[in-house]
Amino acid sequence: MSVLTDTYTLPNGVAIPQVGFGTWQIPNGDTAYQAVAEALRQGYRHIDTAWQYGNEASVGQAIRDSGIPRDQIFVTSKLPAHAKSYEDALKAFDESMARLGLDDIDLFLIHAPWPWDHFGEDYREQNREVWRAMESFYQAKKVRAIGISNFNVRDQEDLYAHCTIKPMALQLQYYIGFTEDDNVACAQQHGLLVEAFSPLATGFLLNNEAVQAVADHYQATVAQVAIRYVLQKGLLPLPKATSPAHIAENTQLDFKISAADMALLDQLKDTAPGEDDNRY
């Protein structure tokens, strides 16, 4: 099997391809449409988008036009961070469904525990209400799995303590040099699959000399090493690209990083500036 079609299993038994195609910062319209269409042609079967990205319409159109049976493509979208009431969550979900033009969503996440302009503030009580809406989407079979994104330990633990249906996945920013170990450990202790967005540090890793040296050893690119690193950590990477060459490059992951090189990569810190600015 291809690394693109190998799967992890979510806590509810749903299979999810272990590498996804991320679409953050890809503008709606022809750019997003062509990127997703090309990713599907290259063998991706897991596409990640969000209400916040503003590109759900083009992503959905590319999926529908691909000719690939819907049940062979795993689609993730996210509830906008500002939707912090039950009613707002219902409204935003309907908007995402209309934009995507699909009958269901495979994985739906709360995009953040706080509105973006209230970064880090305490919205635990509001998230409990939002999670009730998420559970209703799941119970109505509008989504196959539900989860969270950008939740720290405090916000995770509160939700786990008050939910009826536990989240199945946590998506967060994760790359060589920035691994959110406490947040990952909390999620994994509660049985969630952890997904890594921005595994290339929004491109900053590509000029990192230490990672380049490891890549040279495997006759691989920095991007390939960065994605492979995430996989070997047991997480699900969500690389983004728009050019056919880069989309193809990110699929070529048929090598294994040695334990010694993984340890070396683990020691790298601060490989990209402004982590808090990239949490989408």
Protein backbone atom coordinates (compact mmCIF):
# COMPACT_ATOMS: atom_id res chain seq x y z
CA MET A 1 0.00 0.00 0.00
CA SER A 2 1.02 3.62 -0.47
CA VAL A 3 1.82 5.78 2.54
CA LEU A 4 -1.09 7.91 1.30
CA THR A 5 -3.56 5.07 1.64
CA ASP A 6 -2.17 3.40 4.76
CA THR A 7 -4.50 4.26 7.61
CA TYR A 8 -4.73 4.99 11.29
CA THR A 9 -7.88 4.01 13.15
CA LEU A 10 -9.86 6.56 15.12
CA PRO A 11 -11.25 5.52 18.54
CA ASN A 12 -14.66 4.81 17.01
CA GLY A 13 -13.18 2.40 14.45
CA VAL A 14 -13.21 4.77 11.46
CA ALA A 15 -10.13 4.42 9.23
CA ILE A 16 -8.32 7.65 8.31
CA PRO A 17 -5.50 7.86 5.72
CA GLN A 18 -2.30 8.49 7.63
CA VAL A 19 -1.19 11.46 5.51
CA GLY A 20 -3.57 14.28 4.70
CA PHE A 21 -3.43 17.17 2.24
CA GLY A 22 -3.65 20.50 4.05
CA THR A 23 -5.26 23.56 2.47
CA TRP A 24 -4.62 26.36 4.97
CA GLN A 25 -3.58 29.58 3.17
CA ILE A 26 -4.61 28.21 -0.24
CA PRO A 27 -7.07 30.81 -1.60
CA ASN A 28 -10.54 29.83 -2.73
CA GLY A 29 -11.02 29.63 -6.48
CA ASP A 30 -8.82 28.09 -9.12
CA THR A 31 -5.76 27.83 -6.86
CA ALA A 32 -7.48 25.70 -4.23
CA TYR A 33 -9.43 23.74 -6.85
CA GLN A 34 -6.31 22.83 -8.83
CA ALA A 35 -4.26 22.01 -5.73
CA VAL A 36 -6.87 19.58 -4.39
CA ALA A 37 -7.50 18.11 -7.83
CA GLU A 38 -3.77 17.52 -8.26
CA ALA A 39 -3.43 16.04 -4.78
CA LEU A 40 -6.18 13.57 -5.57
CA ARG A 41 -4.50 12.71 -8.88
CA GLN A 42 -1.24 12.12 -6.99
CA GLY A 43 -2.96 9.63 -4.70
CA TYR A 44 -4.01 11.64 -1.65
CA ARG A 45 -7.27 10.37 -0.19
CA HIS A 46 -7.46 12.66 2.83
CA ILE A 47 -8.23 16.36 2.36
CA ASP A 48 -8.24 18.87 5.23
CA THR A 49 -10.03 22.22 5.07
CA ALA A 50 -11.91 24.56 7.42
CA TRP A 51 -14.63 27.19 7.50
CA GLN A 52 -11.88 29.66 8.49
CA TYR A 53 -9.82 28.92 5.36
CA GLY A 54 -12.57 30.29 3.11
CA ASN A 55 -11.87 27.62 0.50
CA GLU A 56 -14.43 24.92 1.32
CA ALA A 57 -16.36 25.61 -1.90
CA SER A 58 -13.36 25.00 -4.16
CA VAL A 59 -12.18 22.04 -2.10
CA GLY A 60 -15.62 20.45 -2.29
CA GLN A 61 -15.90 21.09 -6.02
CA ALA A 62 -12.56 19.43 -6.69
CA ILE A 63 -13.61 16.41 -4.63
CA ARG A 64 -16.92 16.13 -6.46
CA ASP A 65 -15.28 16.55 -9.88
CA SER A 66 -12.51 14.03 -9.20
CA GLY A 67 -14.53 10.99 -10.26
CA ILE A 68 -13.28 9.20 -7.15
CA PRO A 69 -16.08 7.58 -5.15
CA ARG A 70 -16.94 9.74 -2.16
CA ASP A 71 -16.39 6.90 0.29
CA GLN A 72 -12.76 6.70 -0.87
CA ILE A 73 -11.94 10.29 0.13
CA PHE A 74 -11.66 11.29 3.78
CA VAL A 75 -12.72 14.92 4.26
CA THR A 76 -12.01 17.02 7.34
CA SER A 77 -13.41 20.46 8.06
CA LYS A 78 -13.56 22.64 11.15
CA LEU A 79 -16.05 24.70 13.07
CA PRO A 80 -14.91 28.36 13.13
CA ALA A 81 -13.19 29.48 16.30
CA HIS A 82 -15.66 32.29 16.91
CA ALA A 83 -18.66 29.92 17.06
CA LYS A 84 -18.91 29.58 20.82
CA SER A 85 -22.59 28.83 21.38
CA TYR A 86 -24.78 25.87 20.52
CA GLU A 87 -26.80 27.87 17.99
CA ASP A 88 -23.72 29.44 16.38
CA ALA A 89 -22.23 25.97 15.99
CA LEU A 90 -25.35 24.69 14.23
CA LYS A 91 -25.32 27.67 11.86
CA ALA A 92 -21.63 27.39 11.02
CA PHE A 93 -21.90 23.66 10.41
CA ASP A 94 -24.73 24.21 7.92
CA GLU A 95 -22.59 26.83 6.17
CA SER A 96 -19.70 24.40 5.83
CA MET A 97 -21.96 21.67 4.49
CA ALA A 98 -23.43 24.05 1.91
CA ARG A 99 -20.02 25.26 0.79
CA LEU A 100 -18.57 21.77 0.51
CA GLY A 101 -21.59 20.43 -1.33
CA LEU A 102 -21.13 17.00 0.24
CA ASP A 103 -23.64 14.77 2.00
CA ASP A 104 -21.44 14.35 5.06
CA ILE A 105 -18.05 15.19 6.56
CA ASP A 106 -15.69 12.44 7.72
CA LEU A 107 -14.06 14.40 10.55
CA PHE A 108 -15.31 17.68 12.01
CA LEU A 109 -13.23 19.61 14.54
CA ILE A 110 -13.67 22.60 16.83
CA HIS A 111 -11.00 24.80 15.23
CA ALA A 112 -9.80 26.39 18.47
CA PRO A 113 -10.82 26.61 22.12
CA TRP A 114 -11.09 30.41 21.88
CA PRO A 115 -11.93 32.94 19.15
CA TRP A 116 -8.76 33.99 17.32
CA ASP A 117 -8.99 37.55 18.67
CA HIS A 118 -9.23 36.16 22.24
CA PHE A 119 -6.21 33.86 21.93
CA GLY A 120 -5.54 31.85 25.08
CA GLU A 121 -8.57 33.06 27.05
CA ASP A 122 -10.80 30.75 29.06
CA TYR A 123 -13.78 29.52 27.02
CA ARG A 124 -14.20 26.16 28.73
CA GLU A 125 -17.85 26.69 29.57
CA GLN A 126 -18.71 27.79 26.03
CA ASN A 127 -16.82 24.81 24.58
CA ARG A 128 -19.02 22.44 26.55
CA GLU A 129 -22.05 23.90 24.75
CA VAL A 130 -20.32 23.78 21.40
CA TRP A 131 -19.38 20.16 22.03
CA ARG A 132 -23.07 19.32 22.58
CA ALA A 133 -23.65 20.53 19.02
CA MET A 134 -20.70 18.46 17.78
CA GLU A 135 -22.18 15.38 19.46
CA SER A 136 -25.51 16.10 17.74
CA PHE A 137 -23.81 16.16 14.31
CA TYR A 138 -22.21 12.83 15.10
CA GLN A 139 -25.38 11.23 16.44
CA ALA A 140 -27.29 12.39 13.35
CA LYS A 141 -24.57 10.76 11.19
CA LYS A 142 -23.79 14.04 9.46
CA VAL A 143 -20.18 13.43 10.42
CA ARG A 144 -18.31 10.18 10.90
CA ALA A 145 -16.02 11.46 13.64
CA ILE A 146 -15.59 14.57 15.78
CA GLY A 147 -12.62 16.18 17.44
CA ILE A 148 -10.76 19.32 18.46
CA SER A 149 -7.92 21.53 17.24
CA ASN A 150 -5.40 23.76 19.05
CA PHE A 151 -6.67 22.65 22.48
CA ASN A 152 -4.11 22.84 25.28
CA VAL A 153 -4.13 20.53 28.32
CA ARG A 154 -6.47 22.77 30.34
CA ASP A 155 -9.07 22.96 27.59
CA GLN A 156 -8.71 19.29 26.68
CA GLU A 157 -9.17 18.03 30.23
CA ASP A 158 -12.25 20.16 30.82
CA LEU A 159 -13.92 18.89 27.66
CA TYR A 160 -13.10 15.27 28.42
CA ALA A 161 -14.64 15.69 31.88
CA HIS A 162 -17.92 17.09 30.55
CA CYS A 163 -18.56 15.32 27.24
CA THR A 164 -20.89 12.43 26.50
CA ILE A 165 -18.97 11.39 23.39
CA LYS A 166 -15.21 11.86 23.75
CA PRO A 167 -13.30 13.65 20.96
CA MET A 168 -11.61 11.26 18.56
CA ALA A 169 -8.79 13.44 17.23
CA LEU A 170 -6.73 16.48 18.17
CA GLN A 171 -5.17 18.58 15.43
CA LEU A 172 -2.36 20.94 16.39
CA GLN A 173 0.75 22.61 15.06
CA TYR A 174 3.65 20.18 15.18
CA TYR A 175 6.98 20.09 13.40
CA ILE A 176 10.66 19.40 14.01
CA GLY A 177 11.63 21.79 16.79
CA PHE A 178 8.07 22.49 17.96
CA THR A 179 6.20 19.43 19.15
CA GLU A 180 3.68 20.52 21.83
CA ASP A 181 4.64 17.48 23.91
CA ASP A 182 2.27 18.12 26.84
CA ASN A 183 -0.74 18.67 24.59
CA VAL A 184 0.08 15.59 22.51
CA ALA A 185 0.58 13.41 25.58
CA CYS A 186 -2.73 14.53 27.10
CA ALA A 187 -4.63 13.70 23.94
CA GLN A 188 -2.95 10.34 23.48
CA GLN A 189 -3.57 9.40 27.12
CA HIS A 190 -7.25 9.90 26.42
CA GLY A 191 -7.10 7.77 23.28
CA LEU A 192 -7.24 10.51 20.64
CA LEU A 193 -5.37 10.38 17.33
CA VAL A 194 -3.12 13.44 17.00
CA GLU A 195 -2.79 15.24 13.68
CA ALA A 196 0.05 17.62 12.83
CA PHE A 197 -0.66 20.69 10.74
CA SER A 198 2.21 22.80 9.36
CA PRO A 199 4.69 19.88 9.49
CA LEU A 200 7.06 22.01 7.37
CA ALA A 201 6.73 24.96 9.79
CA THR A 202 4.91 26.89 7.04
CA GLY A 203 8.06 26.56 4.93
CA PHE A 204 10.62 27.78 7.47
CA LEU A 205 12.09 24.30 7.91
CA LEU A 206 13.10 24.17 4.25
CA ASN A 207 16.17 26.33 4.93
CA ASN A 208 17.23 24.56 8.11
CA GLU A 209 20.81 23.31 7.72
CA ALA A 210 20.58 20.63 10.41
CA VAL A 211 17.48 19.08 8.86
CA GLN A 212 19.07 19.39 5.41
CA ALA A 213 22.05 17.35 6.63
CA VAL A 214 19.72 14.56 7.77
CA ALA A 215 17.85 14.73 4.47
CA ASP A 216 21.08 14.42 2.49
CA HIS A 217 21.87 11.21 4.37
CA TYR A 218 18.65 9.63 3.07
CA GLN A 219 18.84 11.22 -0.39
CA ALA A 220 15.58 12.90 0.51
CA THR A 221 14.37 16.48 0.71
CA VAL A 222 13.87 18.49 3.88
CA ALA A 223 10.11 18.35 3.28
CA GLN A 224 10.16 14.56 3.04
CA VAL A 225 12.20 14.24 6.24
CA ALA A 226 9.85 16.62 8.06
CA ILE A 227 6.77 14.63 7.06
CA ARG A 228 8.45 11.30 7.75
CA TYR A 229 9.47 12.56 11.22
CA VAL A 230 5.82 13.22 12.07
CA LEU A 231 4.77 9.77 10.86
CA GLN A 232 7.46 8.07 12.94
CA LYS A 233 6.14 9.94 15.97
CA GLY A 234 2.80 8.21 15.38
CA LEU A 235 1.04 11.40 14.33
CA LEU A 236 -0.83 12.22 11.14
CA PRO A 237 0.90 14.92 9.04
CA LEU A 238 -1.05 17.43 6.94
CA PRO A 239 1.46 18.90 4.46
CA LYS A 240 0.31 21.68 2.14
CA ALA A 241 1.53 22.46 -1.37
CA THR A 242 0.16 24.05 -4.53
CA SER A 243 2.66 23.12 -7.24
CA PRO A 244 2.36 19.63 -8.80
CA ALA A 245 6.09 19.05 -8.17
CA HIS A 246 5.84 19.80 -4.46
CA ILE A 247 2.61 17.82 -4.10
CA ALA A 248 4.39 14.85 -5.67
CA GLU A 249 7.53 15.36 -3.55
CA ASN A 250 5.49 15.20 -0.36
CA THR A 251 4.15 11.76 -1.27
CA GLN A 252 7.60 10.14 -1.60
CA LEU A 253 8.07 8.91 1.93
CA ASP A 254 9.26 5.34 1.46
CA PHE A 255 12.26 5.52 3.79
CA LYS A 256 12.82 5.31 7.54
CA ILE A 257 14.72 7.76 9.70
CA SER A 258 17.08 5.96 12.08
CA ALA A 259 16.64 6.18 15.83
CA ALA A 260 19.86 8.20 16.07
CA ASP A 261 18.67 10.72 13.50
CA MET A 262 15.25 10.94 15.14
CA ALA A 263 17.02 11.76 18.41
CA LEU A 264 19.07 14.43 16.65
CA LEU A 265 15.92 15.97 15.18
CA ASP A 266 14.26 15.82 18.61
CA GLN A 267 17.00 18.07 19.97
CA LEU A 268 16.35 20.88 17.51
CA LYS A 269 14.41 23.81 18.90
CA ASP A 270 13.04 27.09 17.60
CA THR A 271 13.23 26.03 13.97
CA ALA A 272 10.63 28.61 12.95
CA PRO A 273 9.58 31.98 14.30
CA GLY A 274 6.14 33.02 15.45
CA GLU A 275 4.55 29.69 16.32
CA ASP A 276 1.53 31.35 17.91
CA ASP A 277 0.83 33.24 14.68
CA ASN A 278 0.45 30.02 12.70
CA ARG A 279 -2.22 28.18 14.68
CA TYR A 280 -4.73 27.44 11.94
